[in-house]
Amino acid sequence: MIKDYITKFKDNVNGTFEVLGGFFICLNIWDVWTSKTVAGVSWIAVAFFTLWGFWNLFYYPKLGQRMSFLGSAFVAIANVVWLVLLIYYGGVL
């Protein structure tokens, strides 16, 4: 009983961090979208964290961590949007 509560608490804390991370990524999206410029950020780093986000979509359900899964979905989607904007406005392609 206590072990289940602790596990759920850890999932809720991690899920909260994931959701907050998604909101911070949205601030980066907004900055690139409004300025139409890219400076000081590597698209390669964002690509890495995007892949990590998609890994979490596979990994968290296996652990039964619903909140972490939902938060990581937000992070993964936000990172994809940010990555596309970085590539487009950064002149990578």
Protein backbone atom coordinates (compact mmCIF):
# COMPACT_ATOMS: atom_id res chain seq x y z
CA MET A 1 0.00 0.00 0.00
CA ILE A 2 2.68 2.53 0.97
CA LYS A 3 4.90 1.30 -1.87
CA ASP A 4 2.10 1.99 -4.38
CA TYR A 5 1.62 5.48 -2.94
CA ILE A 6 5.34 6.24 -3.18
CA THR A 7 5.48 4.93 -6.76
CA LYS A 8 2.49 7.06 -7.77
CA PHE A 9 3.99 10.09 -6.01
CA LYS A 10 7.26 9.66 -7.92
CA ASP A 11 5.35 9.36 -11.19
CA ASN A 12 3.38 12.53 -10.41
CA VAL A 13 6.53 14.47 -9.58
CA ASN A 14 8.31 13.27 -12.73
CA GLY A 15 5.21 13.93 -14.84
CA THR A 16 5.05 17.46 -13.45
CA PHE A 17 8.67 18.07 -14.41
CA GLU A 18 7.94 16.73 -17.89
CA VAL A 19 4.93 19.04 -18.32
CA LEU A 20 6.88 22.04 -17.06
CA GLY A 21 9.66 21.14 -19.48
CA GLY A 22 7.10 21.12 -22.28
CA PHE A 23 5.97 24.63 -21.35
CA PHE A 24 9.57 25.87 -21.33
CA ILE A 25 10.10 24.35 -24.77
CA CYS A 26 7.00 26.26 -25.89
CA LEU A 27 8.73 29.47 -24.81
CA ASN A 28 11.58 28.57 -27.16
CA ILE A 29 9.08 27.82 -29.93
CA TRP A 30 7.46 31.21 -29.40
CA ASP A 31 10.84 32.96 -29.52
CA VAL A 32 11.87 31.35 -32.81
CA TRP A 33 8.39 31.80 -34.29
CA THR A 34 8.21 35.52 -33.51
CA SER A 35 11.83 36.43 -34.28
CA LYS A 36 12.15 34.15 -37.32
CA THR A 37 15.81 33.70 -36.36
CA VAL A 38 17.93 31.07 -34.65
CA ALA A 39 20.88 31.98 -32.46
CA GLY A 40 22.81 30.09 -29.83
CA VAL A 41 21.00 26.76 -30.17
CA SER A 42 22.09 23.62 -31.98
CA TRP A 43 19.39 21.72 -33.83
CA ILE A 44 21.42 18.55 -33.14
CA ALA A 45 20.90 18.91 -29.37
CA VAL A 46 17.18 19.45 -29.87
CA ALA A 47 17.05 16.40 -32.16
CA PHE A 48 18.70 14.31 -29.44
CA PHE A 49 16.17 15.40 -26.81
CA THR A 50 13.36 14.83 -29.29
CA LEU A 51 14.50 11.23 -29.74
CA TRP A 52 14.77 10.85 -25.99
CA GLY A 53 11.19 12.12 -25.68
CA PHE A 54 9.98 9.48 -28.11
CA TRP A 55 11.91 6.82 -26.21
CA ASN A 56 10.03 7.91 -23.06
CA LEU A 57 6.74 7.35 -24.89
CA PHE A 58 7.76 3.73 -25.23
CA TYR A 59 9.41 3.39 -21.82
CA TYR A 60 6.99 5.04 -19.35
CA PRO A 61 3.97 2.84 -20.18
CA LYS A 62 6.09 -0.25 -19.52
CA LEU A 63 6.69 1.14 -16.02
CA GLY A 64 3.02 2.00 -15.53
CA GLN A 65 3.81 5.71 -15.22
CA ARG A 66 0.83 7.48 -16.74
CA MET A 67 1.64 11.04 -15.68
CA SER A 68 5.21 10.72 -16.90
CA PHE A 69 3.89 9.37 -20.20
CA LEU A 70 1.51 12.31 -20.66
CA GLY A 71 4.23 14.81 -19.80
CA SER A 72 6.70 13.16 -22.14
CA ALA A 73 4.13 13.25 -24.95
CA PHE A 74 3.92 17.02 -24.48
CA VAL A 75 7.73 17.31 -24.47
CA ALA A 76 8.12 15.11 -27.56
CA ILE A 77 5.52 17.02 -29.58
CA ALA A 78 6.88 20.41 -28.49
CA ASN A 79 10.41 19.32 -29.38
CA VAL A 80 9.30 18.24 -32.86
CA VAL A 81 7.76 21.68 -33.45
CA TRP A 82 10.86 23.42 -32.11
CA LEU A 83 13.15 21.23 -34.22
CA VAL A 84 11.20 21.97 -37.40
CA LEU A 85 11.39 25.70 -36.69
CA LEU A 86 15.12 25.50 -35.95
CA ILE A 87 15.79 23.68 -39.19
CA TYR A 88 13.54 26.00 -41.22
CA TYR A 89 14.68 29.34 -39.81
CA GLY A 90 18.25 28.21 -39.14
CA GLY A 91 18.83 27.45 -42.80
CA VAL A 92 19.85 23.84 -42.21
CA LEU A 93 17.94 22.57 -45.25
